[in-house]
mmCIF file of all heavy atoms, coordinates in Angstrom:
data_MODEL
# 
_entry.id   MODEL 
# 
loop_
_atom_site.group_PDB 
_atom_site.id 
_atom_site.type_symbol 
_atom_site.label_atom_id 
_atom_site.label_alt_id 
_atom_site.label_comp_id 
_atom_site.label_asym_id 
_atom_site.label_entity_id 
_atom_site.label_seq_id 
_atom_site.pdbx_PDB_ins_code 
_atom_site.Cartn_x 
_atom_site.Cartn_y 
_atom_site.Cartn_z 
_atom_site.occupancy 
_atom_site.B_iso_or_equiv 
_atom_site.pdbx_formal_charge 
_atom_site.auth_seq_id 
_atom_site.auth_comp_id 
_atom_site.auth_asym_id 
_atom_site.auth_atom_id 
_atom_site.pdbx_PDB_model_num 
ATOM 1   N N   . LEU A 1 1  ? -33.566 -36.854 54.845 1.00 0.00 ? 1  LEU A N   1 
ATOM 2   C CA  . LEU A 1 1  ? -34.049 -35.484 54.851 1.00 0.00 ? 1  LEU A CA  1 
ATOM 3   C C   . LEU A 1 1  ? -35.556 -35.524 54.696 1.00 0.00 ? 1  LEU A C   1 
ATOM 4   O O   . LEU A 1 1  ? -36.073 -36.208 53.816 1.00 0.00 ? 1  LEU A O   1 
ATOM 5   C CB  . LEU A 1 1  ? -33.447 -34.678 53.700 1.00 0.00 ? 1  LEU A CB  1 
ATOM 6   C CG  . LEU A 1 1  ? -31.919 -34.620 53.593 1.00 0.00 ? 1  LEU A CG  1 
ATOM 7   C CD1 . LEU A 1 1  ? -31.517 -33.812 52.361 1.00 0.00 ? 1  LEU A CD1 1 
ATOM 8   C CD2 . LEU A 1 1  ? -31.321 -34.003 54.845 1.00 0.00 ? 1  LEU A CD2 1 
ATOM 9   N N   . VAL A 1 2  ? -36.243 -34.798 55.536 1.00 0.00 ? 2  VAL A N   1 
ATOM 10  C CA  . VAL A 1 2  ? -37.697 -34.785 55.509 1.00 0.00 ? 2  VAL A CA  1 
ATOM 11  C C   . VAL A 1 2  ? -38.182 -33.350 55.410 1.00 0.00 ? 2  VAL A C   1 
ATOM 12  O O   . VAL A 1 2  ? -37.902 -32.539 56.298 1.00 0.00 ? 2  VAL A O   1 
ATOM 13  C CB  . VAL A 1 2  ? -38.299 -35.467 56.746 1.00 0.00 ? 2  VAL A CB  1 
ATOM 14  C CG1 . VAL A 1 2  ? -39.823 -35.413 56.686 1.00 0.00 ? 2  VAL A CG1 1 
ATOM 15  C CG2 . VAL A 1 2  ? -37.825 -36.908 56.836 1.00 0.00 ? 2  VAL A CG2 1 
ATOM 16  N N   . GLU A 1 3  ? -38.917 -33.059 54.341 1.00 0.00 ? 3  GLU A N   1 
ATOM 17  C CA  . GLU A 1 3  ? -39.484 -31.732 54.145 1.00 0.00 ? 3  GLU A CA  1 
ATOM 18  C C   . GLU A 1 3  ? -40.902 -31.681 54.688 1.00 0.00 ? 3  GLU A C   1 
ATOM 19  O O   . GLU A 1 3  ? -41.613 -32.680 54.700 1.00 0.00 ? 3  GLU A O   1 
ATOM 20  C CB  . GLU A 1 3  ? -39.516 -31.348 52.660 1.00 0.00 ? 3  GLU A CB  1 
ATOM 21  C CG  . GLU A 1 3  ? -38.168 -31.387 51.966 1.00 0.00 ? 3  GLU A CG  1 
ATOM 22  C CD  . GLU A 1 3  ? -37.963 -32.646 51.163 1.00 0.00 ? 3  GLU A CD  1 
ATOM 23  O OE1 . GLU A 1 3  ? -38.531 -33.700 51.524 1.00 0.00 ? 3  GLU A OE1 1 
ATOM 24  O OE2 . GLU A 1 3  ? -37.225 -32.578 50.152 1.00 0.00 ? 3  GLU A OE2 1 
ATOM 25  N N   . SER A 1 4  ? -41.306 -30.498 55.077 1.00 0.00 ? 4  SER A N   1 
ATOM 26  C CA  . SER A 1 4  ? -42.673 -30.285 55.507 1.00 0.00 ? 4  SER A CA  1 
ATOM 27  C C   . SER A 1 4  ? -43.057 -28.840 55.233 1.00 0.00 ? 4  SER A C   1 
ATOM 28  O O   . SER A 1 4  ? -42.189 -27.983 55.043 1.00 0.00 ? 4  SER A O   1 
ATOM 29  C CB  . SER A 1 4  ? -42.858 -30.612 56.992 1.00 0.00 ? 4  SER A CB  1 
ATOM 30  O OG  . SER A 1 4  ? -42.053 -29.773 57.802 1.00 0.00 ? 4  SER A OG  1 
ATOM 31  N N   . GLY A 1 5  ? -44.341 -28.574 55.207 1.00 0.00 ? 5  GLY A N   1 
ATOM 32  C CA  . GLY A 1 5  ? -44.831 -27.218 55.072 1.00 0.00 ? 5  GLY A CA  1 
ATOM 33  C C   . GLY A 1 5  ? -45.490 -26.879 53.756 1.00 0.00 ? 5  GLY A C   1 
ATOM 34  O O   . GLY A 1 5  ? -46.038 -25.779 53.613 1.00 0.00 ? 5  GLY A O   1 
ATOM 35  N N   . GLY A 1 6  ? -45.449 -27.780 52.794 1.00 0.00 ? 6  GLY A N   1 
ATOM 36  C CA  . GLY A 1 6  ? -46.084 -27.508 51.522 1.00 0.00 ? 6  GLY A CA  1 
ATOM 37  C C   . GLY A 1 6  ? -47.593 -27.460 51.643 1.00 0.00 ? 6  GLY A C   1 
ATOM 38  O O   . GLY A 1 6  ? -48.169 -27.897 52.639 1.00 0.00 ? 6  GLY A O   1 
ATOM 39  N N   . GLY A 1 7  ? -48.221 -26.920 50.611 1.00 0.00 ? 7  GLY A N   1 
ATOM 40  C CA  . GLY A 1 7  ? -49.663 -26.830 50.615 1.00 0.00 ? 7  GLY A CA  1 
ATOM 41  C C   . GLY A 1 7  ? -50.170 -25.921 49.530 1.00 0.00 ? 7  GLY A C   1 
ATOM 42  O O   . GLY A 1 7  ? -49.441 -25.553 48.611 1.00 0.00 ? 7  GLY A O   1 
ATOM 43  N N   . LEU A 1 8  ? -51.429 -25.558 49.639 1.00 0.00 ? 8  LEU A N   1 
ATOM 44  C CA  . LEU A 1 8  ? -52.104 -24.699 48.677 1.00 0.00 ? 8  LEU A CA  1 
ATOM 45  C C   . LEU A 1 8  ? -52.268 -23.307 49.266 1.00 0.00 ? 8  LEU A C   1 
ATOM 46  O O   . LEU A 1 8  ? -52.800 -23.157 50.371 1.00 0.00 ? 8  LEU A O   1 
ATOM 47  C CB  . LEU A 1 8  ? -53.471 -25.280 48.322 1.00 0.00 ? 8  LEU A CB  1 
ATOM 48  C CG  . LEU A 1 8  ? -54.378 -24.433 47.435 1.00 0.00 ? 8  LEU A CG  1 
ATOM 49  C CD1 . LEU A 1 8  ? -53.765 -24.253 46.056 1.00 0.00 ? 8  LEU A CD1 1 
ATOM 50  C CD2 . LEU A 1 8  ? -55.753 -25.072 47.341 1.00 0.00 ? 8  LEU A CD2 1 
ATOM 51  N N   . VAL A 1 9  ? -51.810 -22.306 48.521 1.00 0.00 ? 9  VAL A N   1 
ATOM 52  C CA  . VAL A 1 9  ? -51.956 -20.917 48.949 1.00 0.00 ? 9  VAL A CA  1 
ATOM 53  C C   . VAL A 1 9  ? -52.402 -20.071 47.765 1.00 0.00 ? 9  VAL A C   1 
ATOM 54  O O   . VAL A 1 9  ? -52.182 -20.431 46.613 1.00 0.00 ? 9  VAL A O   1 
ATOM 55  C CB  . VAL A 1 9  ? -50.658 -20.338 49.540 1.00 0.00 ? 9  VAL A CB  1 
ATOM 56  C CG1 . VAL A 1 9  ? -50.265 -21.073 50.810 1.00 0.00 ? 9  VAL A CG1 1 
ATOM 57  C CG2 . VAL A 1 9  ? -49.537 -20.400 48.517 1.00 0.00 ? 9  VAL A CG2 1 
ATOM 58  N N   . GLN A 1 10 ? -53.006 -18.935 48.062 1.00 0.00 ? 10 GLN A N   1 
ATOM 59  C CA  . GLN A 1 10 ? -53.419 -18.013 47.018 1.00 0.00 ? 10 GLN A CA  1 
ATOM 60  C C   . GLN A 1 10 ? -52.260 -17.118 46.603 1.00 0.00 ? 10 GLN A C   1 
ATOM 61  O O   . GLN A 1 10 ? -51.329 -16.894 47.380 1.00 0.00 ? 10 GLN A O   1 
ATOM 62  C CB  . GLN A 1 10 ? -54.585 -17.156 47.502 1.00 0.00 ? 10 GLN A CB  1 
ATOM 63  C CG  . GLN A 1 10 ? -55.858 -17.930 47.729 1.00 0.00 ? 10 GLN A CG  1 
ATOM 64  C CD  . GLN A 1 10 ? -57.027 -17.036 48.054 1.00 0.00 ? 10 GLN A CD  1 
ATOM 65  O OE1 . GLN A 1 10 ? -56.862 -15.963 48.621 1.00 0.00 ? 10 GLN A OE1 1 
ATOM 66  N NE2 . GLN A 1 10 ? -58.218 -17.474 47.693 1.00 0.00 ? 10 GLN A NE2 1 
ATOM 67  N N   . PRO A 1 11 ? -52.296 -16.609 45.376 1.00 0.00 ? 11 PRO A N   1 
ATOM 68  C CA  . PRO A 1 11 ? -51.262 -15.655 44.970 1.00 0.00 ? 11 PRO A CA  1 
ATOM 69  C C   . PRO A 1 11 ? -51.157 -14.503 45.962 1.00 0.00 ? 11 PRO A C   1 
ATOM 70  O O   . PRO A 1 11 ? -52.165 -13.980 46.441 1.00 0.00 ? 11 PRO A O   1 
ATOM 71  C CB  . PRO A 1 11 ? -51.748 -15.175 43.605 1.00 0.00 ? 11 PRO A CB  1 
ATOM 72  C CG  . PRO A 1 11 ? -52.563 -16.317 43.089 1.00 0.00 ? 11 PRO A CG  1 
ATOM 73  C CD  . PRO A 1 11 ? -53.248 -16.894 44.302 1.00 0.00 ? 11 PRO A CD  1 
ATOM 74  N N   . GLY A 1 12 ? -49.922 -14.127 46.257 1.00 0.00 ? 12 GLY A N   1 
ATOM 75  C CA  . GLY A 1 12 ? -49.673 -13.091 47.238 1.00 0.00 ? 12 GLY A CA  1 
ATOM 76  C C   . GLY A 1 12 ? -49.533 -13.606 48.651 1.00 0.00 ? 12 GLY A C   1 
ATOM 77  O O   . GLY A 1 12 ? -49.117 -12.851 49.546 1.00 0.00 ? 12 GLY A O   1 
ATOM 78  N N   . GLY A 1 13 ? -49.843 -14.853 48.859 1.00 0.00 ? 13 GLY A N   1 
ATOM 79  C CA  . GLY A 1 13 ? -49.760 -15.439 50.179 1.00 0.00 ? 13 GLY A CA  1 
ATOM 80  C C   . GLY A 1 13 ? -48.359 -15.870 50.545 1.00 0.00 ? 13 GLY A C   1 
ATOM 81  O O   . GLY A 1 13 ? -47.405 -15.704 49.780 1.00 0.00 ? 13 GLY A O   1 
ATOM 82  N N   . SER A 1 14 ? -48.245 -16.456 51.722 1.00 0.00 ? 14 SER A N   1 
ATOM 83  C CA  . SER A 1 14 ? -46.961 -16.889 52.251 1.00 0.00 ? 14 SER A CA  1 
ATOM 84  C C   . SER A 1 14 ? -47.024 -18.335 52.701 1.00 0.00 ? 14 SER A C   1 
ATOM 85  O O   . SER A 1 14 ? -48.085 -18.852 53.054 1.00 0.00 ? 14 SER A O   1 
ATOM 86  C CB  . SER A 1 14 ? -46.543 -16.017 53.441 1.00 0.00 ? 14 SER A CB  1 
ATOM 87  O OG  . SER A 1 14 ? -46.359 -14.671 53.059 1.00 0.00 ? 14 SER A OG  1 
ATOM 88  N N   . LEU A 1 15 ? -45.869 -18.956 52.708 1.00 0.00 ? 15 LEU A N   1 
ATOM 89  C CA  . LEU A 1 15 ? -45.755 -20.337 53.138 1.00 0.00 ? 15 LEU A CA  1 
ATOM 90  C C   . LEU A 1 15 ? -44.333 -20.568 53.624 1.00 0.00 ? 15 LEU A C   1 
ATOM 91  O O   . LEU A 1 15 ? -43.387 -20.015 53.055 1.00 0.00 ? 15 LEU A O   1 
ATOM 92  C CB  . LEU A 1 15 ? -46.070 -21.274 51.978 1.00 0.00 ? 15 LEU A CB  1 
ATOM 93  C CG  . LEU A 1 15 ? -46.509 -22.711 52.279 1.00 0.00 ? 15 LEU A CG  1 
ATOM 94  C CD1 . LEU A 1 15 ? -47.805 -22.725 53.077 1.00 0.00 ? 15 LEU A CD1 1 
ATOM 95  C CD2 . LEU A 1 15 ? -46.674 -23.485 50.981 1.00 0.00 ? 15 LEU A CD2 1 
ATOM 96  N N   . GLY A 1 16 ? -44.187 -21.369 54.657 1.00 0.00 ? 16 GLY A N   1 
ATOM 97  C CA  . GLY A 1 16 ? -42.875 -21.705 55.169 1.00 0.00 ? 16 GLY A CA  1 
ATOM 98  C C   . GLY A 1 16 ? -42.597 -23.190 55.049 1.00 0.00 ? 16 GLY A C   1 
ATOM 99  O O   . GLY A 1 16 ? -43.439 -24.017 55.404 1.00 0.00 ? 16 GLY A O   1 
ATOM 100 N N   . LEU A 1 17 ? -41.428 -23.529 54.546 1.00 0.00 ? 17 LEU A N   1 
ATOM 101 C CA  . LEU A 1 17 ? -41.011 -24.914 54.396 1.00 0.00 ? 17 LEU A CA  1 
ATOM 102 C C   . LEU A 1 17 ? -39.897 -25.229 55.382 1.00 0.00 ? 17 LEU A C   1 
ATOM 103 O O   . LEU A 1 17 ? -39.067 -24.372 55.693 1.00 0.00 ? 17 LEU A O   1 
ATOM 104 C CB  . LEU A 1 17 ? -40.508 -25.193 52.983 1.00 0.00 ? 17 LEU A CB  1 
ATOM 105 C CG  . LEU A 1 17 ? -41.437 -24.870 51.820 1.00 0.00 ? 17 LEU A CG  1 
ATOM 106 C CD1 . LEU A 1 17 ? -40.768 -25.257 50.507 1.00 0.00 ? 17 LEU A CD1 1 
ATOM 107 C CD2 . LEU A 1 17 ? -42.770 -25.575 51.977 1.00 0.00 ? 17 LEU A CD2 1 
ATOM 108 N N   . SER A 1 18 ? -39.872 -26.463 55.839 1.00 0.00 ? 18 SER A N   1 
ATOM 109 C CA  . SER A 1 18 ? -38.829 -26.930 56.740 1.00 0.00 ? 18 SER A CA  1 
ATOM 110 C C   . SER A 1 18 ? -38.215 -28.204 56.193 1.00 0.00 ? 18 SER A C   1 
ATOM 111 O O   . SER A 1 18 ? -38.890 -29.009 55.548 1.00 0.00 ? 18 SER A O   1 
ATOM 112 C CB  . SER A 1 18 ? -39.393 -27.208 58.135 1.00 0.00 ? 18 SER A CB  1 
ATOM 113 O OG  . SER A 1 18 ? -39.924 -26.047 58.723 1.00 0.00 ? 18 SER A OG  1 
ATOM 114 N N   . CYS A 1 19 ? -36.939 -28.383 56.463 1.00 0.00 ? 19 CYS A N   1 
ATOM 115 C CA  . CYS A 1 19 ? -36.234 -29.599 56.099 1.00 0.00 ? 19 CYS A CA  1 
ATOM 116 C C   . CYS A 1 19 ? -35.384 -30.015 57.282 1.00 0.00 ? 19 CYS A C   1 
ATOM 117 O O   . CYS A 1 19 ? -34.507 -29.257 57.715 1.00 0.00 ? 19 CYS A O   1 
ATOM 118 C CB  . CYS A 1 19 ? -35.360 -29.387 54.869 1.00 0.00 ? 19 CYS A CB  1 
ATOM 119 S SG  . CYS A 1 19 ? -34.271 -30.778 54.486 1.00 0.00 ? 19 CYS A SG  1 
ATOM 120 N N   . ALA A 1 20 ? -35.630 -31.195 57.787 1.00 0.00 ? 20 ALA A N   1 
ATOM 121 C CA  . ALA A 1 20 ? -34.885 -31.724 58.917 1.00 0.00 ? 20 ALA A CA  1 
ATOM 122 C C   . ALA A 1 20 ? -34.067 -32.929 58.486 1.00 0.00 ? 20 ALA A C   1 
ATOM 123 O O   . ALA A 1 20 ? -34.597 -33.849 57.855 1.00 0.00 ? 20 ALA A O   1 
ATOM 124 C CB  . ALA A 1 20 ? -35.837 -32.111 60.050 1.00 0.00 ? 20 ALA A CB  1 
ATOM 125 N N   . ALA A 1 21 ? -32.797 -32.923 58.828 1.00 0.00 ? 21 ALA A N   1 
ATOM 126 C CA  . ALA A 1 21 ? -31.896 -34.019 58.503 1.00 0.00 ? 21 ALA A CA  1 
ATOM 127 C C   . ALA A 1 21 ? -31.644 -34.872 59.738 1.00 0.00 ? 21 ALA A C   1 
ATOM 128 O O   . ALA A 1 21 ? -31.536 -34.362 60.856 1.00 0.00 ? 21 ALA A O   1 
ATOM 129 C CB  . ALA A 1 21 ? -30.575 -33.494 57.964 1.00 0.00 ? 21 ALA A CB  1 
ATOM 130 N N   . SER A 1 22 ? -31.544 -36.161 59.524 1.00 0.00 ? 22 SER A N   1 
ATOM 131 C CA  . SER A 1 22 ? -31.255 -37.078 60.614 1.00 0.00 ? 22 SER A CA  1 
ATOM 132 C C   . SER A 1 22 ? -30.380 -38.211 60.099 1.00 0.00 ? 22 SER A C   1 
ATOM 133 O O   . SER A 1 22 ? -30.243 -38.415 58.899 1.00 0.00 ? 22 SER A O   1 
ATOM 134 C CB  . SER A 1 22 ? -32.541 -37.641 61.220 1.00 0.00 ? 22 SER A CB  1 
ATOM 135 O OG  . SER A 1 22 ? -33.252 -38.419 60.266 1.00 0.00 ? 22 SER A OG  1 
ATOM 136 N N   . GLY A 1 23 ? -29.779 -38.948 61.029 1.00 0.00 ? 23 GLY A N   1 
ATOM 137 C CA  . GLY A 1 23 ? -29.027 -40.134 60.670 1.00 0.00 ? 23 GLY A CA  1 
ATOM 138 C C   . GLY A 1 23 ? -27.548 -39.925 60.412 1.00 0.00 ? 23 GLY A C   1 
ATOM 139 O O   . GLY A 1 23 ? -26.877 -40.837 59.927 1.00 0.00 ? 23 GLY A O   1 
ATOM 140 N N   . THR A 1 24 ? -27.036 -38.751 60.740 1.00 0.00 ? 24 THR A N   1 
ATOM 141 C CA  . THR A 1 24 ? -25.619 -38.496 60.542 1.00 0.00 ? 24 THR A CA  1 
ATOM 142 C C   . THR A 1 24 ? -25.092 -37.558 61.616 1.00 0.00 ? 24 THR A C   1 
ATOM 143 O O   . THR A 1 24 ? -25.813 -36.693 62.103 1.00 0.00 ? 24 THR A O   1 
ATOM 144 C CB  . THR A 1 24 ? -25.335 -37.906 59.152 1.00 0.00 ? 24 THR A CB  1 
ATOM 145 O OG1 . THR A 1 24 ? -23.925 -37.707 59.011 1.00 0.00 ? 24 THR A OG1 1 
ATOM 146 C CG2 . THR A 1 24 ? -26.042 -36.569 58.979 1.00 0.00 ? 24 THR A CG2 1 
ATOM 147 N N   . MET A 1 25 ? -23.839 -37.759 61.968 1.00 0.00 ? 25 MET A N   1 
ATOM 148 C CA  . MET A 1 25 ? -23.163 -36.850 62.875 1.00 0.00 ? 25 MET A CA  1 
ATOM 149 C C   . MET A 1 25 ? -22.429 -35.750 62.117 1.00 0.00 ? 25 MET A C   1 
ATOM 150 O O   . MET A 1 25 ? -21.960 -34.788 62.714 1.00 0.00 ? 25 MET A O   1 
ATOM 151 C CB  . MET A 1 25 ? -22.153 -37.614 63.746 1.00 0.00 ? 25 MET A CB  1 
ATOM 152 C CG  . MET A 1 25 ? -22.777 -38.594 64.730 1.00 0.00 ? 25 MET A CG  1 
ATOM 153 S SD  . MET A 1 25 ? -23.688 -37.770 66.069 1.00 0.00 ? 25 MET A SD  1 
ATOM 154 C CE  . MET A 1 25 ? -25.369 -37.875 65.449 1.00 0.00 ? 25 MET A CE  1 
ATOM 155 N N   . GLU A 1 26 ? -22.325 -35.920 60.809 1.00 0.00 ? 26 GLU A N   1 
ATOM 156 C CA  . GLU A 1 26 ? -21.652 -34.929 59.985 1.00 0.00 ? 26 GLU A CA  1 
ATOM 157 C C   . GLU A 1 26 ? -22.474 -33.662 59.885 1.00 0.00 ? 26 GLU A C   1 
ATOM 158 O O   . GLU A 1 26 ? -23.710 -33.701 59.837 1.00 0.00 ? 26 GLU A O   1 
ATOM 159 C CB  . GLU A 1 26 ? -21.413 -35.461 58.574 1.00 0.00 ? 26 GLU A CB  1 
ATOM 160 C CG  . GLU A 1 26 ? -20.424 -36.582 58.472 1.00 0.00 ? 26 GLU A CG  1 
ATOM 161 C CD  . GLU A 1 26 ? -20.196 -36.976 57.025 1.00 0.00 ? 26 GLU A CD  1 
ATOM 162 O OE1 . GLU A 1 26 ? -21.073 -37.645 56.447 1.00 0.00 ? 26 GLU A OE1 1 
ATOM 163 O OE2 . GLU A 1 26 ? -19.148 -36.589 56.478 1.00 0.00 ? 26 GLU A OE2 1 
ATOM 164 N N   . LYS A 1 27 ? -21.789 -32.559 59.831 1.00 0.00 ? 27 LYS A N   1 
ATOM 165 C CA  . LYS A 1 27 ? -22.423 -31.294 59.515 1.00 0.00 ? 27 LYS A CA  1 
ATOM 166 C C   . LYS A 1 27 ? -22.340 -31.085 58.009 1.00 0.00 ? 27 LYS A C   1 
ATOM 167 O O   . LYS A 1 27 ? -21.299 -31.268 57.403 1.00 0.00 ? 27 LYS A O   1 
ATOM 168 C CB  . LYS A 1 27 ? -21.739 -30.142 60.241 1.00 0.00 ? 27 LYS A CB  1 
ATOM 169 C CG  . LYS A 1 27 ? -21.898 -30.178 61.758 1.00 0.00 ? 27 LYS A CG  1 
ATOM 170 C CD  . LYS A 1 27 ? -23.346 -30.058 62.174 1.00 0.00 ? 27 LYS A CD  1 
ATOM 171 C CE  . LYS A 1 27 ? -23.489 -29.918 63.685 1.00 0.00 ? 27 LYS A CE  1 
ATOM 172 N NZ  . LYS A 1 27 ? -23.057 -31.136 64.406 1.00 0.00 ? 27 LYS A NZ  1 
ATOM 173 N N   . PHE A 1 28 ? -23.461 -30.730 57.431 1.00 0.00 ? 28 PHE A N   1 
ATOM 174 C CA  . PHE A 1 28 ? -23.486 -30.486 55.996 1.00 0.00 ? 28 PHE A CA  1 
ATOM 175 C C   . PHE A 1 28 ? -22.828 -29.155 55.676 1.00 0.00 ? 28 PHE A C   1 
ATOM 176 O O   . PHE A 1 28 ? -23.031 -28.166 56.381 1.00 0.00 ? 28 PHE A O   1 
ATOM 177 C CB  . PHE A 1 28 ? -24.917 -30.506 55.480 1.00 0.00 ? 28 PHE A CB  1 
ATOM 178 C CG  . PHE A 1 28 ? -25.611 -31.813 55.697 1.00 0.00 ? 28 PHE A CG  1 
ATOM 179 C CD1 . PHE A 1 28 ? -26.656 -31.915 56.603 1.00 0.00 ? 28 PHE A CD1 1 
ATOM 180 C CD2 . PHE A 1 28 ? -25.218 -32.939 55.000 1.00 0.00 ? 28 PHE A CD2 1 
ATOM 181 C CE1 . PHE A 1 28 ? -27.298 -33.123 56.805 1.00 0.00 ? 28 PHE A CE1 1 
ATOM 182 C CE2 . PHE A 1 28 ? -25.852 -34.160 55.200 1.00 0.00 ? 28 PHE A CE2 1 
ATOM 183 C CZ  . PHE A 1 28 ? -26.896 -34.248 56.106 1.00 0.00 ? 28 PHE A CZ  1 
ATOM 184 N N   . VAL A 1 29 ? -22.035 -29.149 54.612 1.00 0.00 ? 29 VAL A N   1 
ATOM 185 C CA  . VAL A 1 29 ? -21.357 -27.922 54.224 1.00 0.00 ? 29 VAL A CA  1 
ATOM 186 C C   . VAL A 1 29 ? -22.273 -26.998 53.436 1.00 0.00 ? 29 VAL A C   1 
ATOM 187 O O   . VAL A 1 29 ? -22.040 -25.794 53.372 1.00 0.00 ? 29 VAL A O   1 
ATOM 188 C CB  . VAL A 1 29 ? -20.077 -28.217 53.423 1.00 0.00 ? 29 VAL A CB  1 
ATOM 189 C CG1 . VAL A 1 29 ? -19.099 -29.019 54.282 1.00 0.00 ? 29 VAL A CG1 1 
ATOM 190 C CG2 . VAL A 1 29 ? -20.392 -28.971 52.140 1.00 0.00 ? 29 VAL A CG2 1 
ATOM 191 N N   . LEU A 1 30 ? -23.295 -27.562 52.838 1.00 0.00 ? 30 LEU A N   1 
ATOM 192 C CA  . LEU A 1 30 ? -24.218 -26.778 52.032 1.00 0.00 ? 30 LEU A CA  1 
ATOM 193 C C   . LEU A 1 30 ? -25.578 -27.445 52.048 1.00 0.00 ? 30 LEU A C   1 
ATOM 194 O O   . LEU A 1 30 ? -25.679 -28.658 51.883 1.00 0.00 ? 30 LEU A O   1 
ATOM 195 C CB  . LEU A 1 30 ? -23.707 -26.661 50.596 1.00 0.00 ? 30 LEU A CB  1 
ATOM 196 C CG  . LEU A 1 30 ? -24.482 -25.770 49.642 1.00 0.00 ? 30 LEU A CG  1 
ATOM 197 C CD1 . LEU A 1 30 ? -24.318 -24.309 50.030 1.00 0.00 ? 30 LEU A CD1 1 
ATOM 198 C CD2 . LEU A 1 30 ? -24.007 -25.994 48.219 1.00 0.00 ? 30 LEU A CD2 1 
# 
């Protein structure tokens, strides 16, 4: 699992995070 999108933001700001999974054919239940 690889996360991306973190960083420094000011209060009231917005940020989007992503998590991509690889290496399995299984679908995660949660």
